[in-house]
Amino acid sequence: MKITILAVGKVKERFYREAVEEFVKRLGRYCKLEIIEVADEKTPDGAGASLERQIVEKEGARLCKYLKEDAWICALAIEGKVMDSLEFSAQMEQLGIAGISHIQFVIGGSLGLAENILKRADFKLSFSKMTFPHQLMRVILLEQIYRGYRIMMKEPYHK
């Protein structure tokens, strides 16, 4: 299975980068993993709804360039479905059984994802109603993908 993470912005903090690198290394035995980062837009303090919409649309246009027609698209969105780790693992396993060979996870910028990305998504996934830093969200997603594979393979890790 090929897994692509499309994300707005770079991971700037060293400790987040190290965590991302660790999970990329661990996932190498389970899937072909690719992380694509697109530039984020600076949001000025006090930006109005119109400017925020423009920013989200610009970031969305950058992400759209990388969406593949043959991929199963999962948008990370606060309004998405909340799953536990076992359900998430089962979802990934079912996609493989169904012949899906490429999953693309999409992480938006600080203002979220553009409407066209959300409409294009095959599934919307929420990790929580809470707000997380986007750099941390990448680590959390990678950890859950890794956990999902360990569960599928009936290997120790998930408790």
N, C-alpha and C. Protein backbone atom coordinates (compact mmCIF):
# COMPACT_ATOMS: atom_id res chain seq x y z
N MET A 1 0.85 -1.18 0.00
CA MET A 1 0.00 0.00 0.00
C MET A 1 0.89 1.24 0.00
N LYS A 2 0.47 2.23 -0.76
CA LYS A 2 1.16 3.52 -0.75
C LYS A 2 0.31 4.48 0.08
N ILE A 3 0.95 5.19 0.97
CA ILE A 3 0.28 6.19 1.79
C ILE A 3 0.99 7.52 1.58
N THR A 4 0.20 8.52 1.25
CA THR A 4 0.72 9.87 1.08
C THR A 4 0.06 10.77 2.11
N ILE A 5 0.86 11.58 2.76
CA ILE A 5 0.33 12.60 3.65
C ILE A 5 0.59 13.93 2.96
N LEU A 6 -0.50 14.62 2.64
CA LEU A 6 -0.43 15.95 2.05
C LEU A 6 -0.70 16.93 3.18
N ALA A 7 0.20 17.85 3.40
CA ALA A 7 0.06 18.76 4.55
C ALA A 7 0.44 20.18 4.18
N VAL A 8 -0.31 21.11 4.75
CA VAL A 8 0.00 22.52 4.59
C VAL A 8 1.05 22.89 5.64
N GLY A 9 2.13 23.48 5.19
CA GLY A 9 3.16 23.95 6.11
C GLY A 9 4.25 22.92 6.38
N LYS A 10 5.35 23.42 6.89
CA LYS A 10 6.49 22.58 7.23
C LYS A 10 6.48 22.28 8.72
N VAL A 11 7.13 21.17 9.08
CA VAL A 11 7.33 20.85 10.49
C VAL A 11 8.58 21.60 10.92
N LYS A 12 8.39 22.60 11.78
CA LYS A 12 9.50 23.49 12.14
C LYS A 12 10.23 23.05 13.40
N GLU A 13 9.49 22.59 14.37
CA GLU A 13 10.10 22.22 15.65
C GLU A 13 10.91 20.93 15.51
N ARG A 14 12.12 20.93 16.04
CA ARG A 14 13.01 19.78 15.91
C ARG A 14 12.41 18.51 16.52
N PHE A 15 11.77 18.63 17.69
CA PHE A 15 11.24 17.43 18.35
C PHE A 15 10.08 16.83 17.55
N TYR A 16 9.30 17.65 16.85
CA TYR A 16 8.26 17.11 15.97
C TYR A 16 8.90 16.43 14.75
N ARG A 17 9.92 17.08 14.18
CA ARG A 17 10.62 16.48 13.02
C ARG A 17 11.21 15.12 13.38
N GLU A 18 11.80 15.03 14.56
CA GLU A 18 12.39 13.76 15.00
C GLU A 18 11.31 12.69 15.17
N ALA A 19 10.15 13.07 15.69
CA ALA A 19 9.06 12.11 15.85
C ALA A 19 8.55 11.66 14.47
N VAL A 20 8.41 12.61 13.54
CA VAL A 20 7.99 12.26 12.17
C VAL A 20 8.99 11.29 11.56
N GLU A 21 10.27 11.59 11.67
CA GLU A 21 11.32 10.73 11.11
C GLU A 21 11.26 9.33 11.70
N GLU A 22 11.01 9.23 13.00
CA GLU A 22 10.93 7.92 13.65
C GLU A 22 9.78 7.10 13.09
N PHE A 23 8.61 7.70 12.94
CA PHE A 23 7.47 6.94 12.42
C PHE A 23 7.62 6.64 10.93
N VAL A 24 8.26 7.52 10.19
CA VAL A 24 8.55 7.23 8.77
C VAL A 24 9.44 5.99 8.70
N LYS A 25 10.45 5.93 9.56
CA LYS A 25 11.36 4.78 9.59
C LYS A 25 10.58 3.51 9.96
N ARG A 26 9.77 3.56 11.00
CA ARG A 26 9.01 2.39 11.44
C ARG A 26 8.02 1.92 10.38
N LEU A 27 7.41 2.85 9.67
CA LEU A 27 6.39 2.48 8.68
C LEU A 27 6.99 1.90 7.41
N GLY A 28 8.29 2.05 7.23
CA GLY A 28 8.95 1.55 6.02
C GLY A 28 8.74 0.07 5.77
N ARG A 29 8.53 -0.71 6.82
CA ARG A 29 8.34 -2.15 6.63
C ARG A 29 6.90 -2.52 6.29
N TYR A 30 5.97 -1.55 6.39
CA TYR A 30 4.56 -1.84 6.16
C TYR A 30 3.99 -1.22 4.89
N CYS A 31 4.50 -0.08 4.50
CA CYS A 31 3.92 0.62 3.36
C CYS A 31 4.96 1.52 2.71
N LYS A 32 4.61 2.02 1.54
CA LYS A 32 5.44 3.03 0.90
C LYS A 32 4.84 4.37 1.31
N LEU A 33 5.60 5.14 2.07
CA LEU A 33 5.11 6.38 2.64
C LEU A 33 5.76 7.58 1.97
N GLU A 34 4.91 8.57 1.68
CA GLU A 34 5.38 9.82 1.08
C GLU A 34 4.73 10.96 1.85
N ILE A 35 5.50 11.99 2.16
CA ILE A 35 4.96 13.18 2.80
C ILE A 35 5.23 14.35 1.87
N ILE A 36 4.14 15.04 1.50
CA ILE A 36 4.24 16.20 0.62
C ILE A 36 3.76 17.43 1.41
N GLU A 37 4.62 18.42 1.45
CA GLU A 37 4.27 19.66 2.14
C GLU A 37 4.05 20.75 1.10
N VAL A 38 2.98 21.53 1.30
CA VAL A 38 2.75 22.70 0.46
C VAL A 38 2.87 23.93 1.34
N ALA A 39 3.19 25.05 0.73
CA ALA A 39 3.39 26.30 1.49
C ALA A 39 2.09 26.74 2.17
N ASP A 40 2.26 27.26 3.37
CA ASP A 40 1.11 27.83 4.07
C ASP A 40 1.10 29.34 3.84
N GLU A 41 -0.05 29.93 4.07
CA GLU A 41 -0.22 31.37 3.92
C GLU A 41 -0.18 32.01 5.30
N LYS A 42 0.45 33.14 5.40
CA LYS A 42 0.46 33.88 6.67
C LYS A 42 -0.92 34.49 6.86
N THR A 43 -1.49 34.27 8.03
CA THR A 43 -2.79 34.85 8.36
C THR A 43 -2.56 36.01 9.32
N PRO A 44 -2.83 37.24 8.84
CA PRO A 44 -2.63 38.38 9.73
C PRO A 44 -3.61 38.38 10.89
N ASP A 45 -3.19 38.92 12.02
CA ASP A 45 -4.09 39.05 13.16
C ASP A 45 -5.30 39.88 12.75
N GLY A 46 -6.46 39.46 13.18
CA GLY A 46 -7.68 40.20 12.88
C GLY A 46 -8.17 40.04 11.45
N ALA A 47 -7.68 39.01 10.76
CA ALA A 47 -8.13 38.77 9.38
C ALA A 47 -9.63 38.51 9.38
N GLY A 48 -10.31 39.08 8.43
CA GLY A 48 -11.76 38.87 8.32
C GLY A 48 -12.08 37.57 7.62
N ALA A 49 -13.36 37.25 7.61
CA ALA A 49 -13.82 35.99 7.01
C ALA A 49 -13.45 35.90 5.53
N SER A 50 -13.52 37.01 4.82
CA SER A 50 -13.21 37.02 3.38
C SER A 50 -11.74 36.68 3.14
N LEU A 51 -10.85 37.30 3.90
CA LEU A 51 -9.41 37.03 3.76
C LEU A 51 -9.10 35.59 4.17
N GLU A 52 -9.71 35.13 5.26
CA GLU A 52 -9.49 33.74 5.70
C GLU A 52 -9.93 32.76 4.62
N ARG A 53 -11.06 33.02 3.97
CA ARG A 53 -11.54 32.15 2.90
C ARG A 53 -10.54 32.13 1.74
N GLN A 54 -9.98 33.30 1.39
CA GLN A 54 -8.98 33.37 0.32
C GLN A 54 -7.74 32.55 0.67
N ILE A 55 -7.33 32.65 1.93
CA ILE A 55 -6.14 31.91 2.39
C ILE A 55 -6.39 30.41 2.27
N VAL A 56 -7.54 29.95 2.76
CA VAL A 56 -7.88 28.52 2.70
C VAL A 56 -7.94 28.05 1.25
N GLU A 57 -8.50 28.89 0.37
CA GLU A 57 -8.60 28.52 -1.05
C GLU A 57 -7.22 28.44 -1.71
N LYS A 58 -6.31 29.35 -1.37
CA LYS A 58 -4.95 29.29 -1.92
C LYS A 58 -4.25 28.01 -1.48
N GLU A 59 -4.36 27.71 -0.17
CA GLU A 59 -3.72 26.47 0.32
C GLU A 59 -4.38 25.25 -0.31
N GLY A 60 -5.70 25.30 -0.46
CA GLY A 60 -6.44 24.20 -1.10
C GLY A 60 -6.00 23.97 -2.54
N ALA A 61 -5.77 25.04 -3.27
CA ALA A 61 -5.31 24.92 -4.66
C ALA A 61 -3.95 24.24 -4.71
N ARG A 62 -3.09 24.56 -3.76
CA ARG A 62 -1.77 23.91 -3.72
C ARG A 62 -1.91 22.41 -3.44
N LEU A 63 -2.80 22.07 -2.50
CA LEU A 63 -3.02 20.65 -2.17
C LEU A 63 -3.62 19.89 -3.35
N CYS A 64 -4.57 20.53 -4.04
CA CYS A 64 -5.27 19.86 -5.15
C CYS A 64 -4.32 19.35 -6.23
N LYS A 65 -3.22 20.04 -6.42
CA LYS A 65 -2.24 19.63 -7.44
C LYS A 65 -1.70 18.22 -7.19
N TYR A 66 -1.78 17.77 -5.94
CA TYR A 66 -1.20 16.48 -5.58
C TYR A 66 -2.24 15.38 -5.37
N LEU A 67 -3.52 15.71 -5.42
CA LEU A 67 -4.55 14.69 -5.25
C LEU A 67 -4.58 13.80 -6.48
N LYS A 68 -4.57 12.51 -6.27
CA LYS A 68 -4.56 11.55 -7.37
C LYS A 68 -5.96 10.99 -7.59
N GLU A 69 -6.34 10.85 -8.84
CA GLU A 69 -7.67 10.33 -9.19
C GLU A 69 -7.88 8.91 -8.67
N ASP A 70 -6.82 8.11 -8.68
CA ASP A 70 -6.96 6.70 -8.30
C ASP A 70 -6.73 6.47 -6.80
N ALA A 71 -6.52 7.54 -6.04
CA ALA A 71 -6.27 7.40 -4.60
C ALA A 71 -7.57 7.55 -3.82
N TRP A 72 -7.58 6.93 -2.65
CA TRP A 72 -8.68 7.10 -1.69
C TRP A 72 -8.26 8.26 -0.81
N ILE A 73 -9.06 9.32 -0.80
CA ILE A 73 -8.71 10.56 -0.11
C ILE A 73 -9.38 10.63 1.26
N CYS A 74 -8.58 10.83 2.29
CA CYS A 74 -9.08 11.00 3.65
C CYS A 74 -8.68 12.39 4.14
N ALA A 75 -9.68 13.25 4.32
CA ALA A 75 -9.43 14.61 4.81
C ALA A 75 -9.52 14.62 6.33
N LEU A 76 -8.53 15.19 6.98
CA LEU A 76 -8.61 15.36 8.43
C LEU A 76 -9.41 16.63 8.69
N ALA A 77 -10.55 16.45 9.32
CA ALA A 77 -11.48 17.56 9.53
C ALA A 77 -12.18 17.38 10.87
N ILE A 78 -12.31 18.46 11.60
CA ILE A 78 -12.91 18.39 12.92
C ILE A 78 -14.34 17.84 12.86
N GLU A 79 -15.02 18.06 11.74
CA GLU A 79 -16.40 17.57 11.60
C GLU A 79 -16.47 16.14 11.06
N GLY A 80 -15.32 15.51 10.90
CA GLY A 80 -15.28 14.15 10.39
C GLY A 80 -15.68 13.12 11.42
N LYS A 81 -15.58 11.85 11.02
CA LYS A 81 -15.94 10.74 11.89
C LYS A 81 -14.81 10.48 12.90
N VAL A 82 -15.18 10.30 14.14
CA VAL A 82 -14.22 9.95 15.19
C VAL A 82 -14.16 8.43 15.27
N MET A 83 -12.97 7.88 15.25
CA MET A 83 -12.78 6.43 15.31
C MET A 83 -11.78 6.10 16.41
N ASP A 84 -11.89 4.89 16.96
CA ASP A 84 -10.81 4.44 17.83
C ASP A 84 -9.75 3.76 16.96
N SER A 85 -8.65 3.38 17.58
CA SER A 85 -7.53 2.81 16.82
C SER A 85 -7.90 1.50 16.14
N LEU A 86 -8.71 0.69 16.78
CA LEU A 86 -9.13 -0.58 16.17
C LEU A 86 -9.98 -0.33 14.93
N GLU A 87 -10.89 0.63 15.00
CA GLU A 87 -11.73 0.96 13.84
C GLU A 87 -10.87 1.53 12.71
N PHE A 88 -9.92 2.39 13.06
CA PHE A 88 -9.04 2.98 12.05
C PHE A 88 -8.23 1.89 11.35
N SER A 89 -7.69 0.96 12.12
CA SER A 89 -6.94 -0.14 11.56
C SER A 89 -7.82 -0.99 10.63
N ALA A 90 -9.02 -1.29 11.08
CA ALA A 90 -9.95 -2.09 10.28
C ALA A 90 -10.29 -1.36 8.98
N GLN A 91 -10.45 -0.05 9.04
CA GLN A 91 -10.75 0.74 7.84
C GLN A 91 -9.60 0.62 6.83
N MET A 92 -8.37 0.77 7.30
CA MET A 92 -7.22 0.64 6.40
C MET A 92 -7.15 -0.76 5.81
N GLU A 93 -7.39 -1.77 6.65
CA GLU A 93 -7.34 -3.15 6.17
C GLU A 93 -8.42 -3.40 5.11
N GLN A 94 -9.63 -2.89 5.35
CA GLN A 94 -10.73 -3.06 4.39
C GLN A 94 -10.42 -2.39 3.06
N LEU A 95 -9.78 -1.25 3.10
CA LEU A 95 -9.40 -0.57 1.86
C LEU A 95 -8.44 -1.44 1.05
N GLY A 96 -7.48 -2.05 1.73
CA GLY A 96 -6.55 -2.95 1.05
C GLY A 96 -7.26 -4.15 0.45
N ILE A 97 -8.19 -4.74 1.20
CA ILE A 97 -8.95 -5.88 0.72
C ILE A 97 -9.78 -5.49 -0.50
N ALA A 98 -10.28 -4.26 -0.49
CA ALA A 98 -11.12 -3.76 -1.60
C ALA A 98 -10.29 -3.39 -2.83
N GLY A 99 -8.98 -3.51 -2.73
CA GLY A 99 -8.13 -3.24 -3.88
C GLY A 99 -7.61 -1.81 -3.96
N ILE A 100 -7.84 -1.03 -2.93
CA ILE A 100 -7.30 0.34 -2.89
C ILE A 100 -5.81 0.23 -2.61
N SER A 101 -5.00 0.78 -3.49
CA SER A 101 -3.55 0.66 -3.32
C SER A 101 -2.89 1.98 -2.91
N HIS A 102 -3.68 3.06 -2.84
CA HIS A 102 -3.10 4.35 -2.50
C HIS A 102 -4.09 5.13 -1.64
N ILE A 103 -3.65 5.51 -0.44
CA ILE A 103 -4.44 6.34 0.46
C ILE A 103 -3.72 7.67 0.59
N GLN A 104 -4.46 8.77 0.44
CA GLN A 104 -3.90 10.09 0.67
C GLN A 104 -4.63 10.73 1.84
N PHE A 105 -3.87 11.06 2.87
CA PHE A 105 -4.40 11.79 4.02
C PHE A 105 -4.08 13.26 3.81
N VAL A 106 -5.06 14.14 4.02
CA VAL A 106 -4.87 15.56 3.77
C VAL A 106 -5.05 16.35 5.07
N ILE A 107 -4.00 17.09 5.44
CA ILE A 107 -4.02 17.93 6.64
C ILE A 107 -3.98 19.38 6.18
N GLY A 108 -4.98 20.15 6.55
CA GLY A 108 -5.05 21.55 6.15
C GLY A 108 -4.17 22.44 7.01
N GLY A 109 -4.25 23.72 6.73
CA GLY A 109 -3.51 24.71 7.50
C GLY A 109 -4.28 25.10 8.76
N SER A 110 -3.86 26.17 9.37
CA SER A 110 -4.46 26.58 10.65
C SER A 110 -5.93 26.97 10.52
N LEU A 111 -6.36 27.27 9.32
CA LEU A 111 -7.77 27.64 9.11
C LEU A 111 -8.60 26.48 8.57
N GLY A 112 -7.98 25.32 8.43
CA GLY A 112 -8.72 24.15 7.96
C GLY A 112 -8.51 23.89 6.48
N LEU A 113 -9.42 23.08 5.92
CA LEU A 113 -9.33 22.67 4.52
C LEU A 113 -10.37 23.40 3.67
N ALA A 114 -9.99 23.63 2.43
CA ALA A 114 -10.90 24.26 1.47
C ALA A 114 -12.09 23.33 1.20
N GLU A 115 -13.20 23.93 0.88
CA GLU A 115 -14.44 23.18 0.63
C GLU A 115 -14.27 22.18 -0.51
N ASN A 116 -13.52 22.56 -1.56
CA ASN A 116 -13.35 21.62 -2.68
C ASN A 116 -12.57 20.37 -2.27
N ILE A 117 -11.66 20.50 -1.32
CA ILE A 117 -10.93 19.33 -0.81
C ILE A 117 -11.89 18.44 -0.02
N LEU A 118 -12.69 19.06 0.85
CA LEU A 118 -13.64 18.30 1.66
C LEU A 118 -14.65 17.57 0.77
N LYS A 119 -15.08 18.20 -0.31
CA LYS A 119 -16.03 17.56 -1.23
C LYS A 119 -15.38 16.42 -2.00
N ARG A 120 -14.11 16.58 -2.33
CA ARG A 120 -13.39 15.54 -3.09
C ARG A 120 -13.06 14.33 -2.22
N ALA A 121 -12.98 14.53 -0.91
CA ALA A 121 -12.57 13.46 0.00
C ALA A 121 -13.56 12.30 -0.02
N ASP A 122 -13.02 11.09 0.04
CA ASP A 122 -13.83 9.89 0.16
C ASP A 122 -14.28 9.68 1.60
N PHE A 123 -13.54 10.28 2.52
CA PHE A 123 -13.82 10.10 3.94
C PHE A 123 -13.27 11.30 4.69
N LYS A 124 -13.97 11.70 5.74
CA LYS A 124 -13.49 12.77 6.61
C LYS A 124 -13.25 12.17 7.99
N LEU A 125 -12.05 12.34 8.50
CA LEU A 125 -11.64 11.75 9.76
C LEU A 125 -11.35 12.85 10.77
N SER A 126 -11.88 12.69 11.98
CA SER A 126 -11.60 13.62 13.07
C SER A 126 -10.88 12.85 14.18
N PHE A 127 -9.82 13.42 14.68
CA PHE A 127 -9.12 12.81 15.80
C PHE A 127 -9.68 13.28 17.12
N SER A 128 -10.41 14.40 17.08
CA SER A 128 -10.97 14.95 18.31
C SER A 128 -11.69 16.24 17.96
N LYS A 129 -12.52 16.70 18.86
CA LYS A 129 -13.13 18.02 18.71
C LYS A 129 -12.15 19.11 19.15
N MET A 130 -11.06 18.69 19.78
CA MET A 130 -10.04 19.63 20.23
C MET A 130 -9.21 20.12 19.04
N THR A 131 -8.55 21.23 19.22
CA THR A 131 -7.66 21.77 18.21
C THR A 131 -6.22 21.39 18.58
N PHE A 132 -5.48 20.88 17.59
CA PHE A 132 -4.08 20.51 17.79
C PHE A 132 -3.20 21.34 16.86
N PRO A 133 -1.95 21.59 17.24
CA PRO A 133 -1.02 22.22 16.31
C PRO A 133 -0.85 21.31 15.09
N HIS A 134 -0.75 21.90 13.91
CA HIS A 134 -0.66 21.09 12.70
C HIS A 134 0.59 20.23 12.66
N GLN A 135 1.67 20.72 13.25
CA GLN A 135 2.88 19.91 13.30
C GLN A 135 2.66 18.67 14.15
N LEU A 136 1.98 18.82 15.27
CA LEU A 136 1.68 17.68 16.14
C LEU A 136 0.70 16.73 15.46
N MET A 137 -0.24 17.27 14.71
CA MET A 137 -1.24 16.43 14.04
C MET A 137 -0.56 15.45 13.08
N ARG A 138 0.48 15.90 12.44
CA ARG A 138 1.22 15.00 11.53
C ARG A 138 1.82 13.84 12.30
N VAL A 139 2.37 14.11 13.49
CA VAL A 139 2.93 13.06 14.34
C VAL A 139 1.82 12.10 14.79
N ILE A 140 0.70 12.66 15.23
CA ILE A 140 -0.41 11.83 15.69
C ILE A 140 -0.91 10.93 14.56
N LEU A 141 -1.08 11.49 13.37
CA LEU A 141 -1.55 10.69 12.23
C LEU A 141 -0.57 9.56 11.91
N LEU A 142 0.72 9.88 11.85
CA LEU A 142 1.72 8.84 11.56
C LEU A 142 1.71 7.75 12.62
N GLU A 143 1.57 8.15 13.88
CA GLU A 143 1.54 7.16 14.95
C GLU A 143 0.32 6.25 14.80
N GLN A 144 -0.82 6.80 14.44
CA GLN A 144 -2.03 5.99 14.29
C GLN A 144 -1.94 5.07 13.07
N ILE A 145 -1.31 5.52 12.01
CA ILE A 145 -1.09 4.65 10.85
C ILE A 145 -0.19 3.49 11.27
N TYR A 146 0.89 3.81 11.99
CA TYR A 146 1.79 2.76 12.48
C TYR A 146 1.05 1.80 13.40
N ARG A 147 0.29 2.33 14.35
CA ARG A 147 -0.49 1.50 15.27
C ARG A 147 -1.47 0.63 14.47
N GLY A 148 -2.09 1.22 13.46
CA GLY A 148 -3.04 0.48 12.63
C GLY A 148 -2.40 -0.73 11.97
N TYR A 149 -1.20 -0.54 11.43
CA TYR A 149 -0.50 -1.67 10.81
C TYR A 149 -0.12 -2.73 11.84
N ARG A 150 0.32 -2.29 13.00
CA ARG A 150 0.68 -3.26 14.06
C ARG A 150 -0.54 -4.07 14.48
N ILE A 151 -1.70 -3.42 14.57
CA ILE A 151 -2.93 -4.14 14.90
C ILE A 151 -3.27 -5.13 13.80
N MET A 152 -3.22 -4.69 12.54
CA MET A 152 -3.52 -5.57 11.40
C MET A 152 -2.65 -6.82 11.40
N MET A 153 -1.38 -6.63 11.71
CA MET A 153 -0.41 -7.72 11.67
C MET A 153 -0.39 -8.53 12.96
N LYS A 154 -1.26 -8.14 13.92
CA LYS A 154 -1.35 -8.81 15.21
C LYS A 154 0.01 -8.81 15.93
N GLU A 155 0.68 -7.68 15.80
CA GLU A 155 1.99 -7.51 16.45
C GLU A 155 1.81 -6.68 17.72
N PRO A 156 2.64 -6.91 18.72
CA PRO A 156 2.51 -6.13 19.95
C PRO A 156 2.81 -4.64 19.71
N TYR A 157 2.07 -3.81 20.33
CA TYR A 157 2.25 -2.36 20.34
C TYR A 157 0.97 -1.75 20.89
N HIS A 158 -0.16 -2.12 20.28
CA HIS A 158 -1.44 -1.57 20.72
C HIS A 158 -1.85 -2.23 22.03
N LYS A 159 -2.22 -1.43 22.99
CA LYS A 159 -2.66 -1.97 24.28
C LYS A 159 -4.01 -1.42 24.63
